[in-house]
Amino acid sequence: MKFKKGLIPKYLIQPAISCPANMDDIVSSVISFTHDIHERIKKDGHECDEYDILYNVSYDQRHLEMWFVVNDKKGLLILGFPQRMIMKYKPVDFKNAIEEALKESDE
């Protein structure tokens, strides 16, 4: 395998979020974050036409980690779910709930 020099992200945001109590709180936190990001990206003079979501487990049991990286008008939303929430819900449940809520909020 050969290492290819990657691009440095032009825009990166990471908020400090405490651990939500349930699935609905996580979904609403993600929706709120994506709306805030949209406004902040425009305000700071960057563009993002589309983005993907990477689902992950947080290193911390208490925090929902959310990162948004933009490079060349494409973004990546990285979500790290608290370990104790992964014990309660299946990762596919997070994925389905978040993507459904994002679809509804875009309409």
PDB file of N, CA and C in Angstrom:
ATOM      1  N   MET A   1       0.844  -1.162   0.000  1.00  0.00           N
ATOM      2  CA  MET A   1       0.000   0.000   0.000  1.00  0.00           C
ATOM      3  C   MET A   1       0.900   1.238   0.000  1.00  0.00           C
ATOM      4  N   LYS A   2       0.531   2.205  -0.796  1.00  0.00           N
ATOM      5  CA  LYS A   2       1.324   3.415  -0.937  1.00  0.00           C
ATOM      6  C   LYS A   2       0.594   4.594  -0.303  1.00  0.00           C
ATOM      7  N   PHE A   3       1.319   5.389   0.475  1.00  0.00           N
ATOM      8  CA  PHE A   3       0.758   6.572   1.098  1.00  0.00           C
ATOM      9  C   PHE A   3       0.646   7.688   0.085  1.00  0.00           C
ATOM     10  N   LYS A   4      -0.511   8.274  -0.004  1.00  0.00           N
ATOM     11  CA  LYS A   4      -0.716   9.422  -0.893  1.00  0.00           C
ATOM     12  C   LYS A   4      -0.909  10.653  -0.023  1.00  0.00           C
ATOM     13  N   LYS A   5      -0.152  11.662  -0.309  1.00  0.00           N
ATOM     14  CA  LYS A   5      -0.247  12.895   0.459  1.00  0.00           C
ATOM     15  C   LYS A   5      -1.668  13.445   0.361  1.00  0.00           C
ATOM     16  N   GLY A   6      -2.305  13.608   1.502  1.00  0.00           N
ATOM     17  CA  GLY A   6      -3.691  14.082   1.528  1.00  0.00           C
ATOM     18  C   GLY A   6      -3.772  15.596   1.599  1.00  0.00           C
ATOM     19  N   LEU A   7      -4.956  16.084   1.334  1.00  0.00           N
ATOM     20  CA  LEU A   7      -5.211  17.511   1.425  1.00  0.00           C
ATOM     21  C   LEU A   7      -5.508  17.890   2.873  1.00  0.00           C
ATOM     22  N   ILE A   8      -5.073  19.046   3.252  1.00  0.00           N
ATOM     23  CA  ILE A   8      -5.367  19.549   4.582  1.00  0.00           C
ATOM     24  C   ILE A   8      -6.762  20.159   4.549  1.00  0.00           C
ATOM     25  N   PRO A   9      -7.608  19.788   5.502  1.00  0.00           N
ATOM     26  CA  PRO A   9      -8.949  20.364   5.510  1.00  0.00           C
ATOM     27  C   PRO A   9      -8.895  21.883   5.594  1.00  0.00           C
ATOM     28  N   LYS A  10      -9.737  22.522   4.825  1.00  0.00           N
ATOM     29  CA  LYS A  10      -9.754  23.975   4.829  1.00  0.00           C
ATOM     30  C   LYS A  10     -10.614  24.514   5.958  1.00  0.00           C
ATOM     31  N   TYR A  11     -11.489  23.695   6.483  1.00  0.00           N
ATOM     32  CA  TYR A  11     -12.419  24.185   7.483  1.00  0.00           C
ATOM     33  C   TYR A  11     -12.774  23.041   8.418  1.00  0.00           C
ATOM     34  N   LEU A  12     -12.629  23.255   9.700  1.00  0.00           N
ATOM     35  CA  LEU A  12     -12.868  22.197  10.678  1.00  0.00           C
ATOM     36  C   LEU A  12     -13.544  22.790  11.905  1.00  0.00           C
ATOM     37  N   ILE A  13     -14.633  22.159  12.331  1.00  0.00           N
ATOM     38  CA  ILE A  13     -15.358  22.619  13.508  1.00  0.00           C
ATOM     39  C   ILE A  13     -15.565  21.434  14.438  1.00  0.00           C
ATOM     40  N   GLN A  14     -15.338  21.647  15.726  1.00  0.00           N
ATOM     41  CA  GLN A  14     -15.610  20.619  16.730  1.00  0.00           C
ATOM     42  C   GLN A  14     -16.214  21.296  17.944  1.00  0.00           C
ATOM     43  N   PRO A  15     -17.511  21.088  18.193  1.00  0.00           N
ATOM     44  CA  PRO A  15     -18.120  21.673  19.389  1.00  0.00           C
ATOM     45  C   PRO A  15     -17.918  20.773  20.596  1.00  0.00           C
ATOM     46  N   ALA A  16     -18.065  21.330  21.751  1.00  0.00           N
ATOM     47  CA  ALA A  16     -18.028  20.537  22.976  1.00  0.00           C
ATOM     48  C   ALA A  16     -19.471  20.211  23.360  1.00  0.00           C
ATOM     49  N   ILE A  17     -19.835  18.949  23.313  1.00  0.00           N
ATOM     50  CA  ILE A  17     -21.201  18.516  23.586  1.00  0.00           C
ATOM     51  C   ILE A  17     -21.166  17.489  24.717  1.00  0.00           C
ATOM     52  N   SER A  18     -21.981  17.697  25.721  1.00  0.00           N
ATOM     53  CA  SER A  18     -22.059  16.693  26.783  1.00  0.00           C
ATOM     54  C   SER A  18     -22.932  15.531  26.308  1.00  0.00           C
ATOM     55  N   CYS A  19     -22.943  14.471  27.062  1.00  0.00           N
ATOM     56  CA  CYS A  19     -23.646  13.259  26.661  1.00  0.00           C
ATOM     57  C   CYS A  19     -25.160  13.451  26.683  1.00  0.00           C
ATOM     58  N   PRO A  20     -25.808  13.268  25.541  1.00  0.00           N
ATOM     59  CA  PRO A  20     -27.268  13.322  25.514  1.00  0.00           C
ATOM     60  C   PRO A  20     -27.859  12.141  26.280  1.00  0.00           C
ATOM     61  N   ALA A  21     -29.083  12.313  26.756  1.00  0.00           N
ATOM     62  CA  ALA A  21     -29.704  11.293  27.596  1.00  0.00           C
ATOM     63  C   ALA A  21     -30.304  10.142  26.809  1.00  0.00           C
ATOM     64  N   ASN A  22     -30.723  10.397  25.561  1.00  0.00           N
ATOM     65  CA  ASN A  22     -31.372   9.344  24.788  1.00  0.00           C
ATOM     66  C   ASN A  22     -31.203   9.586  23.294  1.00  0.00           C
ATOM     67  N   MET A  23     -31.790   8.709  22.497  1.00  0.00           N
ATOM     68  CA  MET A  23     -31.659   8.782  21.036  1.00  0.00           C
ATOM     69  C   MET A  23     -32.218  10.094  20.483  1.00  0.00           C
ATOM     70  N   ASP A  24     -33.363  10.529  20.984  1.00  0.00           N
ATOM     71  CA  ASP A  24     -33.968  11.772  20.488  1.00  0.00           C
ATOM     72  C   ASP A  24     -33.069  12.980  20.750  1.00  0.00           C
ATOM     73  N   ASP A  25     -32.411  13.006  21.907  1.00  0.00           N
ATOM     74  CA  ASP A  25     -31.495  14.105  22.212  1.00  0.00           C
ATOM     75  C   ASP A  25     -30.288  14.100  21.277  1.00  0.00           C
ATOM     76  N   ILE A  26     -29.797  12.915  20.958  1.00  0.00           N
ATOM     77  CA  ILE A  26     -28.671  12.819  20.026  1.00  0.00           C
ATOM     78  C   ILE A  26     -29.086  13.319  18.652  1.00  0.00           C
ATOM     79  N   VAL A  27     -30.229  12.873  18.169  1.00  0.00           N
ATOM     80  CA  VAL A  27     -30.707  13.293  16.842  1.00  0.00           C
ATOM     81  C   VAL A  27     -30.908  14.804  16.803  1.00  0.00           C
ATOM     82  N   SER A  28     -31.527  15.371  17.821  1.00  0.00           N
ATOM     83  CA  SER A  28     -31.747  16.819  17.818  1.00  0.00           C
ATOM     84  C   SER A  28     -30.423  17.586  17.909  1.00  0.00           C
ATOM     85  N   SER A  29     -29.444  17.053  18.635  1.00  0.00           N
ATOM     86  CA  SER A  29     -28.118  17.696  18.698  1.00  0.00           C
ATOM     87  C   SER A  29     -27.446  17.702  17.333  1.00  0.00           C
ATOM     88  N   VAL A  30     -27.542  16.595  16.616  1.00  0.00           N
ATOM     89  CA  VAL A  30     -26.936  16.498  15.284  1.00  0.00           C
ATOM     90  C   VAL A  30     -27.628  17.448  14.309  1.00  0.00           C
ATOM     91  N   ILE A  31     -28.956  17.493  14.342  1.00  0.00           N
ATOM     92  CA  ILE A  31     -29.704  18.389  13.448  1.00  0.00           C
ATOM     93  C   ILE A  31     -29.346  19.844  13.736  1.00  0.00           C
ATOM     94  N   SER A  32     -29.324  20.206  14.991  1.00  0.00           N
ATOM     95  CA  SER A  32     -28.958  21.567  15.376  1.00  0.00           C
ATOM     96  C   SER A  32     -27.542  21.904  14.914  1.00  0.00           C
ATOM     97  N   PHE A  33     -26.621  20.980  15.105  1.00  0.00           N
ATOM     98  CA  PHE A  33     -25.233  21.175  14.681  1.00  0.00           C
ATOM     99  C   PHE A  33     -25.134  21.387  13.175  1.00  0.00           C
ATOM    100  N   THR A  34     -25.849  20.584  12.379  1.00  0.00           N
ATOM    101  CA  THR A  34     -25.764  20.728  10.916  1.00  0.00           C
ATOM    102  C   THR A  34     -26.335  22.065  10.457  1.00  0.00           C
ATOM    103  N   HIS A  35     -27.397  22.536  11.096  1.00  0.00           N
ATOM    104  CA  HIS A  35     -27.954  23.845  10.729  1.00  0.00           C
ATOM    105  C   HIS A  35     -26.996  24.969  11.110  1.00  0.00           C
ATOM    106  N   ASP A  36     -26.391  24.877  12.279  1.00  0.00           N
ATOM    107  CA  ASP A  36     -25.414  25.880  12.704  1.00  0.00           C
ATOM    108  C   ASP A  36     -24.197  25.890  11.783  1.00  0.00           C
ATOM    109  N   ILE A  37     -23.755  24.708  11.391  1.00  0.00           N
ATOM    110  CA  ILE A  37     -22.603  24.589  10.501  1.00  0.00           C
ATOM    111  C   ILE A  37     -22.883  25.262   9.160  1.00  0.00           C
ATOM    112  N   HIS A  38     -24.077  25.020   8.628  1.00  0.00           N
ATOM    113  CA  HIS A  38     -24.453  25.603   7.333  1.00  0.00           C
ATOM    114  C   HIS A  38     -24.309  27.123   7.379  1.00  0.00           C
ATOM    115  N   GLU A  39     -24.821  27.743   8.415  1.00  0.00           N
ATOM    116  CA  GLU A  39     -24.726  29.196   8.555  1.00  0.00           C
ATOM    117  C   GLU A  39     -23.279  29.646   8.768  1.00  0.00           C
ATOM    118  N   ARG A  40     -22.546  28.912   9.583  1.00  0.00           N
ATOM    119  CA  ARG A  40     -21.165  29.295   9.890  1.00  0.00           C
ATOM    120  C   ARG A  40     -20.251  29.171   8.673  1.00  0.00           C
ATOM    121  N   ILE A  41     -20.470  28.147   7.870  1.00  0.00           N
ATOM    122  CA  ILE A  41     -19.662  27.969   6.661  1.00  0.00           C
ATOM    123  C   ILE A  41     -19.864  29.147   5.714  1.00  0.00           C
ATOM    124  N   LYS A  42     -21.118  29.526   5.499  1.00  0.00           N
ATOM    125  CA  LYS A  42     -21.410  30.673   4.632  1.00  0.00           C
ATOM    126  C   LYS A  42     -20.793  31.949   5.192  1.00  0.00           C
ATOM    127  N   LYS A  43     -20.963  32.168   6.482  1.00  0.00           N
ATOM    128  CA  LYS A  43     -20.451  33.380   7.134  1.00  0.00           C
ATOM    129  C   LYS A  43     -18.937  33.498   7.003  1.00  0.00           C
ATOM    130  N   ASP A  44     -18.241  32.366   7.115  1.00  0.00           N
ATOM    131  CA  ASP A  44     -16.777  32.376   7.050  1.00  0.00           C
ATOM    132  C   ASP A  44     -16.233  32.332   5.623  1.00  0.00           C
ATOM    133  N   GLY A  45     -17.125  32.340   4.627  1.00  0.00           N
ATOM    134  CA  GLY A  45     -16.687  32.424   3.241  1.00  0.00           C
ATOM    135  C   GLY A  45     -16.313  31.109   2.584  1.00  0.00           C
ATOM    136  N   HIS A  46     -16.717  29.990   3.162  1.00  0.00           N
ATOM    137  CA  HIS A  46     -16.454  28.681   2.572  1.00  0.00           C
ATOM    138  C   HIS A  46     -17.721  28.168   1.897  1.00  0.00           C
ATOM    139  N   GLU A  47     -17.563  27.151   1.089  1.00  0.00           N
ATOM    140  CA  GLU A  47     -18.702  26.541   0.419  1.00  0.00           C
ATOM    141  C   GLU A  47     -18.690  25.040   0.659  1.00  0.00           C
ATOM    142  N   CYS A  48     -19.892  24.472   0.767  1.00  0.00           N
ATOM    143  CA  CYS A  48     -20.033  23.034   0.911  1.00  0.00           C
ATOM    144  C   CYS A  48     -21.306  22.633   0.176  1.00  0.00           C
ATOM    145  N   ASP A  49     -21.139  21.962  -0.960  1.00  0.00           N
ATOM    146  CA  ASP A  49     -22.283  21.568  -1.772  1.00  0.00           C
ATOM    147  C   ASP A  49     -22.925  20.276  -1.295  1.00  0.00           C
ATOM    148  N   GLU A  50     -22.123  19.377  -0.741  1.00  0.00           N
ATOM    149  CA  GLU A  50     -22.636  18.082  -0.282  1.00  0.00           C
ATOM    150  C   GLU A  50     -21.708  17.540   0.788  1.00  0.00           C
ATOM    151  N   TYR A  51     -22.249  16.614   1.589  1.00  0.00           N
ATOM    152  CA  TYR A  51     -21.415  16.013   2.632  1.00  0.00           C
ATOM    153  C   TYR A  51     -21.865  14.584   2.902  1.00  0.00           C
ATOM    154  N   ASP A  52     -20.949  13.809   3.439  1.00  0.00           N
ATOM    155  CA  ASP A  52     -21.206  12.436   3.862  1.00  0.00           C
ATOM    156  C   ASP A  52     -21.134  12.401   5.376  1.00  0.00           C
ATOM    157  N   ILE A  53     -21.609  11.291   5.949  1.00  0.00           N
ATOM    158  CA  ILE A  53     -21.563  11.119   7.395  1.00  0.00           C
ATOM    159  C   ILE A  53     -20.754   9.869   7.722  1.00  0.00           C
ATOM    160  N   LEU A  54     -19.834  10.011   8.656  1.00  0.00           N
ATOM    161  CA  LEU A  54     -19.060   8.886   9.171  1.00  0.00           C
ATOM    162  C   LEU A  54     -19.509   8.643  10.604  1.00  0.00           C
ATOM    163  N   TYR A  55     -20.025   7.446  10.863  1.00  0.00           N
ATOM    164  CA  TYR A  55     -20.504   7.074  12.200  1.00  0.00           C
ATOM    165  C   TYR A  55     -19.394   6.338  12.925  1.00  0.00           C
ATOM    166  N   ASN A  56     -19.168   6.714  14.195  1.00  0.00           N
ATOM    167  CA  ASN A  56     -18.064   6.163  14.955  1.00  0.00           C
ATOM    168  C   ASN A  56     -18.454   6.097  16.435  1.00  0.00           C
ATOM    169  N   VAL A  57     -17.598   5.510  17.236  1.00  0.00           N
ATOM    170  CA  VAL A  57     -17.795   5.474  18.678  1.00  0.00           C
ATOM    171  C   VAL A  57     -16.834   6.470  19.316  1.00  0.00           C
ATOM    172  N   SER A  58     -17.331   7.259  20.253  1.00  0.00           N
ATOM    173  CA  SER A  58     -16.515   8.243  20.946  1.00  0.00           C
ATOM    174  C   SER A  58     -15.502   7.546  21.853  1.00  0.00           C
ATOM    175  N   TYR A  59     -14.393   8.208  22.085  1.00  0.00           N
ATOM    176  CA  TYR A  59     -13.397   7.680  23.021  1.00  0.00           C
ATOM    177  C   TYR A  59     -13.847   7.868  24.461  1.00  0.00           C
ATOM    178  N   ASP A  60     -14.772   8.758  24.643  1.00  0.00           N
ATOM    179  CA  ASP A  60     -15.246   9.107  25.978  1.00  0.00           C
ATOM    180  C   ASP A  60     -16.662   8.583  26.168  1.00  0.00           C
ATOM    181  N   GLN A  61     -16.970   8.092  27.328  1.00  0.00           N
ATOM    182  CA  GLN A  61     -18.316   7.573  27.600  1.00  0.00           C
ATOM    183  C   GLN A  61     -19.341   8.689  27.759  1.00  0.00           C
ATOM    184  N   ARG A  62     -18.884   9.903  27.980  1.00  0.00           N
ATOM    185  CA  ARG A  62     -19.791  10.990  28.341  1.00  0.00           C
ATOM    186  C   ARG A  62     -20.071  12.001  27.239  1.00  0.00           C
ATOM    187  N   HIS A  63     -19.369  11.944  26.133  1.00  0.00           N
ATOM    188  CA  HIS A  63     -19.509  13.013  25.145  1.00  0.00           C
ATOM    189  C   HIS A  63     -19.915  12.502  23.762  1.00  0.00           C
ATOM    190  N   LEU A  64     -20.784  13.263  23.144  1.00  0.00           N
ATOM    191  CA  LEU A  64     -21.105  13.074  21.744  1.00  0.00           C
ATOM    192  C   LEU A  64     -20.106  13.923  20.969  1.00  0.00           C
ATOM    193  N   GLU A  65     -19.287  13.286  20.146  1.00  0.00           N
ATOM    194  CA  GLU A  65     -18.285  14.023  19.376  1.00  0.00           C
ATOM    195  C   GLU A  65     -18.845  14.312  17.990  1.00  0.00           C
ATOM    196  N   MET A  66     -18.754  15.565  17.576  1.00  0.00           N
ATOM    197  CA  MET A  66     -19.198  15.955  16.239  1.00  0.00           C
ATOM    198  C   MET A  66     -18.112  16.821  15.613  1.00  0.00           C
ATOM    199  N   TRP A  67     -17.700  16.429  14.446  1.00  0.00           N
ATOM    200  CA  TRP A  67     -16.702  17.162  13.671  1.00  0.00           C
ATOM    201  C   TRP A  67     -17.287  17.410  12.293  1.00  0.00           C
ATOM    202  N   PHE A  68     -16.945  18.532  11.706  1.00  0.00           N
ATOM    203  CA  PHE A  68     -17.334  18.790  10.325  1.00  0.00           C
ATOM    204  C   PHE A  68     -16.103  19.310   9.599  1.00  0.00           C
ATOM    205  N   VAL A  69     -15.744  18.630   8.535  1.00  0.00           N
ATOM    206  CA  VAL A  69     -14.559  18.981   7.758  1.00  0.00           C
ATOM    207  C   VAL A  69     -15.002  19.341   6.343  1.00  0.00           C
ATOM    208  N   VAL A  70     -14.503  20.464   5.826  1.00  0.00           N
ATOM    209  CA  VAL A  70     -14.831  20.887   4.465  1.00  0.00           C
ATOM    210  C   VAL A  70     -13.542  21.034   3.675  1.00  0.00           C
ATOM    211  N   ASN A  71     -13.565  20.503   2.458  1.00  0.00           N
ATOM    212  CA  ASN A  71     -12.432  20.646   1.556  1.00  0.00           C
ATOM    213  C   ASN A  71     -12.962  20.576   0.129  1.00  0.00           C
ATOM    214  N   ASP A  72     -12.654  21.558  -0.672  1.00  0.00           N
ATOM    215  CA  ASP A  72     -13.076  21.606  -2.081  1.00  0.00           C
ATOM    216  C   ASP A  72     -14.584  21.417  -2.236  1.00  0.00           C
ATOM    217  N   LYS A  73     -15.353  22.162  -1.456  1.00  0.00           N
ATOM    218  CA  LYS A  73     -16.816  22.186  -1.520  1.00  0.00           C
ATOM    219  C   LYS A  73     -17.487  20.877  -1.121  1.00  0.00           C
ATOM    220  N   LYS A  74     -16.726  19.949  -0.561  1.00  0.00           N
ATOM    221  CA  LYS A  74     -17.283  18.684  -0.089  1.00  0.00           C
ATOM    222  C   LYS A  74     -16.993  18.573   1.404  1.00  0.00           C
ATOM    223  N   GLY A  75     -17.967  18.037   2.126  1.00  0.00           N
ATOM    224  CA  GLY A  75     -17.820  17.963   3.563  1.00  0.00           C
ATOM    225  C   GLY A  75     -17.947  16.550   4.093  1.00  0.00           C
ATOM    226  N   LEU A  76     -17.498  16.390   5.324  1.00  0.00           N
ATOM    227  CA  LEU A  76     -17.627  15.133   6.037  1.00  0.00           C
ATOM    228  C   LEU A  76     -18.034  15.452   7.464  1.00  0.00           C
ATOM    229  N   LEU A  77     -19.201  14.940   7.864  1.00  0.00           N
ATOM    230  CA  LEU A  77     -19.679  15.062   9.227  1.00  0.00           C
ATOM    231  C   LEU A  77     -19.273  13.790   9.948  1.00  0.00           C
ATOM    232  N   ILE A  78     -18.463  13.925  10.990  1.00  0.00           N
ATOM    233  CA  ILE A  78     -17.982  12.774  11.751  1.00  0.00           C
ATOM    234  C   ILE A  78     -18.695  12.785  13.098  1.00  0.00           C
ATOM    235  N   LEU A  79     -19.392  11.700  13.381  1.00  0.00           N
ATOM    236  CA  LEU A  79     -20.137  11.581  14.628  1.00  0.00           C
ATOM    237  C   LEU A  79     -19.540  10.463  15.471  1.00  0.00           C
ATOM    238  N   GLY A  80     -19.198  10.765  16.706  1.00  0.00           N
ATOM    239  CA  GLY A  80     -18.707   9.769  17.654  1.00  0.00           C
ATOM    240  C   GLY A  80     -19.705   9.642  18.786  1.00  0.00           C
ATOM    241  N   PHE A  81     -20.365   8.515  18.864  1.00  0.00           N
ATOM    242  CA  PHE A  81     -21.402   8.313  19.869  1.00  0.00           C
ATOM    243  C   PHE A  81     -20.796   7.839  21.186  1.00  0.00           C
ATOM    244  N   PRO A  82     -21.342   8.314  22.316  1.00  0.00           N
ATOM    245  CA  PRO A  82     -20.852   7.871  23.623  1.00  0.00           C
ATOM    246  C   PRO A  82     -20.973   6.352  23.758  1.00  0.00           C
ATOM    247  N   GLN A  83     -19.987   5.745  24.381  1.00  0.00           N
ATOM    248  CA  GLN A  83     -19.962   4.289  24.510  1.00  0.00           C
ATOM    249  C   GLN A  83     -21.194   3.757  25.226  1.00  0.00           C
ATOM    250  N   ARG A  84     -21.650   4.446  26.226  1.00  0.00           N
ATOM    251  CA  ARG A  84     -22.815   3.938  26.952  1.00  0.00           C
ATOM    252  C   ARG A  84     -24.083   3.998  26.115  1.00  0.00           C
ATOM    253  N   MET A  85     -24.144   4.903  25.140  1.00  0.00           N
ATOM    254  CA  MET A  85     -25.303   4.956  24.245  1.00  0.00           C
ATOM    255  C   MET A  85     -25.251   3.810  23.226  1.00  0.00           C
ATOM    256  N   ILE A  86     -24.051   3.407  22.848  1.00  0.00           N
ATOM    257  CA  ILE A  86     -23.893   2.282  21.926  1.00  0.00           C
ATOM    258  C   ILE A  86     -24.376   0.994  22.593  1.00  0.00           C
ATOM    259  N   MET A  87     -24.244   0.928  23.911  1.00  0.00           N
ATOM    260  CA  MET A  87     -24.736  -0.244  24.639  1.00  0.00           C
ATOM    261  C   MET A  87     -26.268  -0.299  24.633  1.00  0.00           C
ATOM    262  N   LYS A  88     -26.917   0.882  24.597  1.00  0.00           N
ATOM    263  CA  LYS A  88     -28.380   0.941  24.633  1.00  0.00           C
ATOM    264  C   LYS A  88     -29.020   0.786  23.253  1.00  0.00           C
ATOM    265  N   TYR A  89     -28.390   1.370  22.230  1.00  0.00           N
ATOM    266  CA  TYR A  89     -28.960   1.395  20.881  1.00  0.00           C
ATOM    267  C   TYR A  89     -27.984   0.789  19.888  1.00  0.00           C
ATOM    268  N   LYS A  90     -28.512   0.236  18.808  1.00  0.00           N
ATOM    269  CA  LYS A  90     -27.669  -0.295  17.741  1.00  0.00           C
ATOM    270  C   LYS A  90     -27.188   0.860  16.861  1.00  0.00           C
ATOM    271  N   PRO A  91     -25.966   0.758  16.337  1.00  0.00           N
ATOM    272  CA  PRO A  91     -25.473   1.821  15.457  1.00  0.00           C
ATOM    273  C   PRO A  91     -26.387   2.090  14.261  1.00  0.00           C
ATOM    274  N   VAL A  92     -27.013   1.054  13.729  1.00  0.00           N
ATOM    275  CA  VAL A  92     -27.914   1.262  12.591  1.00  0.00           C
ATOM    276  C   VAL A  92     -29.133   2.089  13.010  1.00  0.00           C
ATOM    277  N   ASP A  93     -29.534   2.002  14.267  1.00  0.00           N
ATOM    278  CA  ASP A  93     -30.647   2.820  14.764  1.00  0.00           C
ATOM    279  C   ASP A  93     -30.275   4.302  14.750  1.00  0.00           C
ATOM    280  N   PHE A  94     -29.041   4.614  15.151  1.00  0.00           N
ATOM    281  CA  PHE A  94     -28.559   5.997  15.082  1.00  0.00           C
ATOM    282  C   PHE A  94     -28.568   6.479  13.633  1.00  0.00           C
ATOM    283  N   LYS A  95     -28.014   5.655  12.770  1.00  0.00           N
ATOM    284  CA  LYS A  95     -27.916   6.016  11.349  1.00  0.00           C
ATOM    285  C   LYS A  95     -29.292   6.303  10.767  1.00  0.00           C
ATOM    286  N   ASN A  96     -30.229   5.405  10.971  1.00  0.00           N
ATOM    287  CA  ASN A  96     -31.570   5.581  10.408  1.00  0.00           C
ATOM    288  C   ASN A  96     -32.270   6.809  10.964  1.00  0.00           C
ATOM    289  N   ALA A  97     -32.195   7.007  12.271  1.00  0.00           N
ATOM    290  CA  ALA A  97     -32.863   8.147  12.902  1.00  0.00           C
ATOM    291  C   ALA A  97     -32.267   9.475  12.437  1.00  0.00           C
ATOM    292  N   ILE A  98     -30.950   9.552  12.372  1.00  0.00           N
ATOM    293  CA  ILE A  98     -30.291  10.801  11.972  1.00  0.00           C
ATOM    294  C   ILE A  98     -30.555  11.110  10.507  1.00  0.00           C
ATOM    295  N   GLU A  99     -30.422  10.120   9.641  1.00  0.00           N
ATOM    296  CA  GLU A  99     -30.625  10.379   8.213  1.00  0.00           C
ATOM    297  C   GLU A  99     -32.080  10.719   7.902  1.00  0.00           C
ATOM    298  N   GLU A 100     -33.014  10.110   8.597  1.00  0.00           N
ATOM    299  CA  GLU A 100     -34.431  10.443   8.412  1.00  0.00           C
ATOM    300  C   GLU A 100     -34.702  11.881   8.866  1.00  0.00           C
ATOM    301  N   ALA A 101     -34.143  12.263  10.004  1.00  0.00           N
ATOM    302  CA  ALA A 101     -34.337  13.621  10.517  1.00  0.00           C
ATOM    303  C   ALA A 101     -33.682  14.656   9.600  1.00  0.00           C
ATOM    304  N   LEU A 102     -32.507  14.347   9.063  1.00  0.00           N
ATOM    305  CA  LEU A 102     -31.848  15.270   8.136  1.00  0.00           C
ATOM    306  C   LEU A 102     -32.662  15.427   6.864  1.00  0.00           C
ATOM    307  N   LYS A 103     -33.212  14.338   6.381  1.00  0.00           N
ATOM    308  CA  LYS A 103     -34.031  14.398   5.168  1.00  0.00           C
ATOM    309  C   LYS A 103     -35.263  15.278   5.412  1.00  0.00           C
ATOM    310  N   GLU A 104     -35.908  15.116   6.556  1.00  0.00           N
ATOM    311  CA  GLU A 104     -37.086  15.920   6.883  1.00  0.00           C
ATOM    312  C   GLU A 104     -36.738  17.383   7.071  1.00  0.00           C
ATOM    313  N   SER A 105     -35.586  17.681   7.656  1.00  0.00           N
ATOM    314  CA  SER A 105     -35.209  19.075   7.903  1.00  0.00           C
ATOM    315  C   SER A 105     -34.822  19.801   6.610  1.00  0.00           C
ATOM    316  N   ASP A 106     -34.415  19.053   5.574  1.00  0.00           N
ATOM    317  CA  ASP A 106     -34.055  19.679   4.292  1.00  0.00           C
ATOM    318  C   ASP A 106     -35.282  20.011   3.456  1.00  0.00           C
ATOM    319  N   GLU A 107     -36.415  19.402   3.775  1.00  0.00           N
ATOM    320  CA  GLU A 107     -37.614  19.641   2.973  1.00  0.00           C
ATOM    321  C   GLU A 107     -38.299  20.916   3.325  1.00  0.00           C
TER     322      GLU A 107
END
